Amino acid sequence: MTPEVWQYFQAKYQDCRWRVVPGHWPDFKTTAEVDRWFEMRERLMKSMLEETEKELIQGTSDIKPRGVLQGK
């Protein structure tokens, strides 16, 4: 990864809402690759949240809202 692409990646990564284990990202060649990777990650996160919300509404999720396990 060139220093320019690394700098671009770092700037975008600092502004995102999620984290990746350091070093577990692709060896980006261009800023366009960085943009594409962030787009894919955002879509994945959105899809996962939508699916979890749907399961919670239907009562089919293993995830329990806070207080449920404590009997509140």
N, C-alpha and C. Protein backbone atom coordinates (compact mmCIF):
# COMPACT_ATOMS: atom_id res chain seq x y z
N MET A 1 0.86 -1.17 0.00
CA MET A 1 0.00 0.00 0.00
C MET A 1 0.91 1.23 0.00
N THR A 2 0.60 2.15 -0.88
CA THR A 2 1.43 3.36 -0.94
C THR A 2 1.11 4.24 0.28
N PRO A 3 2.03 5.12 0.64
CA PRO A 3 1.77 6.02 1.77
C PRO A 3 0.50 6.86 1.58
N GLU A 4 0.23 7.27 0.34
CA GLU A 4 -0.97 8.07 0.07
C GLU A 4 -2.25 7.26 0.31
N VAL A 5 -2.26 6.04 -0.17
CA VAL A 5 -3.42 5.17 0.01
C VAL A 5 -3.60 4.84 1.50
N TRP A 6 -2.50 4.58 2.20
CA TRP A 6 -2.54 4.30 3.63
C TRP A 6 -3.13 5.50 4.40
N GLN A 7 -2.71 6.68 4.06
CA GLN A 7 -3.21 7.89 4.70
C GLN A 7 -4.72 8.05 4.44
N TYR A 8 -5.13 7.79 3.21
CA TYR A 8 -6.53 7.87 2.84
C TYR A 8 -7.34 6.85 3.64
N PHE A 9 -6.83 5.62 3.71
CA PHE A 9 -7.49 4.57 4.48
C PHE A 9 -7.62 4.98 5.95
N GLN A 10 -6.55 5.46 6.54
CA GLN A 10 -6.56 5.86 7.95
C GLN A 10 -7.61 6.94 8.22
N ALA A 11 -7.71 7.91 7.34
CA ALA A 11 -8.69 8.99 7.51
C ALA A 11 -10.11 8.44 7.49
N LYS A 12 -10.40 7.53 6.55
CA LYS A 12 -11.74 6.94 6.47
C LYS A 12 -12.01 6.03 7.67
N TYR A 13 -11.01 5.30 8.08
CA TYR A 13 -11.16 4.35 9.18
C TYR A 13 -11.45 5.07 10.49
N GLN A 14 -10.82 6.19 10.70
CA GLN A 14 -11.06 6.96 11.92
C GLN A 14 -12.50 7.45 12.02
N ASP A 15 -13.14 7.68 10.89
CA ASP A 15 -14.50 8.20 10.86
C ASP A 15 -15.58 7.13 10.85
N CYS A 16 -15.21 5.86 10.71
CA CYS A 16 -16.23 4.82 10.61
C CYS A 16 -16.71 4.39 12.00
N ARG A 17 -17.86 3.69 12.02
CA ARG A 17 -18.50 3.29 13.27
C ARG A 17 -18.11 1.89 13.74
N TRP A 18 -17.26 1.21 13.04
CA TRP A 18 -16.88 -0.16 13.37
C TRP A 18 -15.36 -0.30 13.33
N ARG A 19 -14.85 -1.38 13.87
CA ARG A 19 -13.40 -1.61 13.91
C ARG A 19 -13.08 -3.00 13.40
N VAL A 20 -11.84 -3.16 12.94
CA VAL A 20 -11.31 -4.42 12.45
C VAL A 20 -10.02 -4.68 13.23
N VAL A 21 -9.72 -5.94 13.49
CA VAL A 21 -8.46 -6.27 14.15
C VAL A 21 -7.33 -5.65 13.33
N PRO A 22 -6.46 -4.87 13.98
CA PRO A 22 -5.38 -4.21 13.22
C PRO A 22 -4.62 -5.19 12.32
N GLY A 23 -4.43 -4.76 11.09
CA GLY A 23 -3.71 -5.57 10.11
C GLY A 23 -4.59 -6.51 9.30
N HIS A 24 -5.87 -6.62 9.66
CA HIS A 24 -6.78 -7.53 8.96
C HIS A 24 -7.60 -6.79 7.91
N TRP A 25 -6.95 -5.99 7.13
CA TRP A 25 -7.59 -5.31 6.01
C TRP A 25 -6.76 -5.60 4.76
N PRO A 26 -7.34 -5.46 3.60
CA PRO A 26 -6.61 -5.75 2.36
C PRO A 26 -5.42 -4.83 2.14
N ASP A 27 -4.53 -5.26 1.27
CA ASP A 27 -3.41 -4.42 0.84
C ASP A 27 -3.92 -3.60 -0.34
N PHE A 28 -4.55 -2.47 -0.03
CA PHE A 28 -5.18 -1.65 -1.05
C PHE A 28 -4.16 -1.07 -2.02
N LYS A 29 -4.52 -1.07 -3.28
CA LYS A 29 -3.65 -0.49 -4.31
C LYS A 29 -4.06 0.94 -4.66
N THR A 30 -5.38 1.21 -4.53
CA THR A 30 -5.90 2.52 -4.91
C THR A 30 -6.91 3.01 -3.86
N THR A 31 -7.20 4.30 -3.93
CA THR A 31 -8.22 4.85 -3.04
C THR A 31 -9.61 4.32 -3.43
N ALA A 32 -9.79 3.99 -4.70
CA ALA A 32 -11.06 3.40 -5.13
C ALA A 32 -11.29 2.04 -4.46
N GLU A 33 -10.23 1.26 -4.29
CA GLU A 33 -10.34 -0.01 -3.58
C GLU A 33 -10.72 0.22 -2.12
N VAL A 34 -10.16 1.25 -1.51
CA VAL A 34 -10.49 1.61 -0.13
C VAL A 34 -11.98 1.94 -0.05
N ASP A 35 -12.44 2.79 -0.95
CA ASP A 35 -13.85 3.19 -0.97
C ASP A 35 -14.76 1.98 -1.12
N ARG A 36 -14.42 1.09 -2.02
CA ARG A 36 -15.24 -0.11 -2.27
C ARG A 36 -15.30 -0.99 -1.03
N TRP A 37 -14.17 -1.17 -0.34
CA TRP A 37 -14.11 -1.98 0.86
C TRP A 37 -15.01 -1.40 1.95
N PHE A 38 -14.95 -0.08 2.13
CA PHE A 38 -15.80 0.57 3.12
C PHE A 38 -17.28 0.44 2.74
N GLU A 39 -17.60 0.58 1.48
CA GLU A 39 -18.99 0.41 1.02
C GLU A 39 -19.50 -0.99 1.36
N MET A 40 -18.69 -2.00 1.07
CA MET A 40 -19.09 -3.38 1.33
C MET A 40 -19.27 -3.62 2.82
N ARG A 41 -18.38 -3.10 3.64
CA ARG A 41 -18.49 -3.27 5.09
C ARG A 41 -19.74 -2.58 5.62
N GLU A 42 -20.02 -1.39 5.13
CA GLU A 42 -21.22 -0.67 5.57
C GLU A 42 -22.49 -1.43 5.18
N ARG A 43 -22.52 -1.98 3.97
CA ARG A 43 -23.68 -2.76 3.53
C ARG A 43 -23.86 -4.00 4.41
N LEU A 44 -22.76 -4.66 4.73
CA LEU A 44 -22.80 -5.85 5.58
C LEU A 44 -23.36 -5.49 6.95
N MET A 45 -22.85 -4.42 7.55
CA MET A 45 -23.32 -4.01 8.87
C MET A 45 -24.82 -3.67 8.84
N LYS A 46 -25.24 -2.94 7.82
CA LYS A 46 -26.64 -2.56 7.69
C LYS A 46 -27.52 -3.80 7.55
N SER A 47 -27.10 -4.73 6.73
CA SER A 47 -27.85 -5.96 6.52
C SER A 47 -27.97 -6.77 7.81
N MET A 48 -26.87 -6.87 8.53
CA MET A 48 -26.88 -7.62 9.80
C MET A 48 -27.82 -6.96 10.81
N LEU A 49 -27.78 -5.64 10.90
CA LEU A 49 -28.64 -4.93 11.84
C LEU A 49 -30.11 -5.08 11.46
N GLU A 50 -30.41 -4.99 10.17
CA GLU A 50 -31.79 -5.15 9.71
C GLU A 50 -32.31 -6.56 10.01
N GLU A 51 -31.49 -7.56 9.77
CA GLU A 51 -31.89 -8.94 10.03
C GLU A 51 -32.11 -9.17 11.52
N THR A 52 -31.22 -8.64 12.35
CA THR A 52 -31.36 -8.80 13.80
C THR A 52 -32.62 -8.10 14.29
N GLU A 53 -32.90 -6.89 13.78
CA GLU A 53 -34.10 -6.17 14.16
C GLU A 53 -35.35 -6.97 13.77
N LYS A 54 -35.34 -7.54 12.58
CA LYS A 54 -36.47 -8.35 12.11
C LYS A 54 -36.69 -9.55 13.03
N GLU A 55 -35.60 -10.22 13.41
CA GLU A 55 -35.71 -11.38 14.30
C GLU A 55 -36.21 -10.97 15.68
N LEU A 56 -35.77 -9.82 16.17
CA LEU A 56 -36.23 -9.35 17.47
C LEU A 56 -37.74 -9.08 17.45
N ILE A 57 -38.21 -8.46 16.38
CA ILE A 57 -39.64 -8.16 16.24
C ILE A 57 -40.45 -9.44 16.16
N GLN A 58 -39.93 -10.43 15.43
CA GLN A 58 -40.65 -11.70 15.27
C GLN A 58 -40.48 -12.62 16.47
N GLY A 59 -39.54 -12.30 17.34
CA GLY A 59 -39.30 -13.15 18.51
C GLY A 59 -38.49 -14.39 18.20
N THR A 60 -37.76 -14.39 17.08
CA THR A 60 -36.99 -15.57 16.69
C THR A 60 -35.49 -15.40 16.93
N SER A 61 -35.11 -14.31 17.58
CA SER A 61 -33.69 -14.04 17.80
C SER A 61 -33.21 -14.63 19.11
N ASP A 62 -31.95 -15.04 19.13
CA ASP A 62 -31.32 -15.48 20.38
C ASP A 62 -30.84 -14.29 21.20
N ILE A 63 -30.84 -13.11 20.60
CA ILE A 63 -30.41 -11.90 21.28
C ILE A 63 -31.57 -11.40 22.13
N LYS A 64 -31.30 -11.11 23.38
CA LYS A 64 -32.33 -10.61 24.27
C LYS A 64 -32.03 -9.17 24.66
N PRO A 65 -33.06 -8.32 24.67
CA PRO A 65 -32.85 -6.93 25.09
C PRO A 65 -32.37 -6.90 26.54
N ARG A 66 -31.67 -5.83 26.89
CA ARG A 66 -31.18 -5.68 28.27
C ARG A 66 -32.33 -5.80 29.26
N GLY A 67 -32.07 -6.45 30.37
CA GLY A 67 -33.07 -6.59 31.42
C GLY A 67 -33.87 -7.88 31.32
N VAL A 68 -33.95 -8.47 30.14
CA VAL A 68 -34.75 -9.69 29.96
C VAL A 68 -34.14 -10.84 30.75
N LEU A 69 -32.82 -10.99 30.67
CA LEU A 69 -32.16 -12.10 31.35
C LEU A 69 -32.18 -11.90 32.86
N GLN A 70 -32.26 -10.65 33.32
CA GLN A 70 -32.27 -10.37 34.74
C GLN A 70 -33.70 -10.42 35.30
N GLY A 71 -34.68 -10.68 34.46
CA GLY A 71 -36.06 -10.77 34.90
C GLY A 71 -36.71 -9.42 35.13
N LYS A 72 -36.20 -8.38 34.52
CA LYS A 72 -36.77 -7.04 34.70
C LYS A 72 -37.83 -6.77 33.66
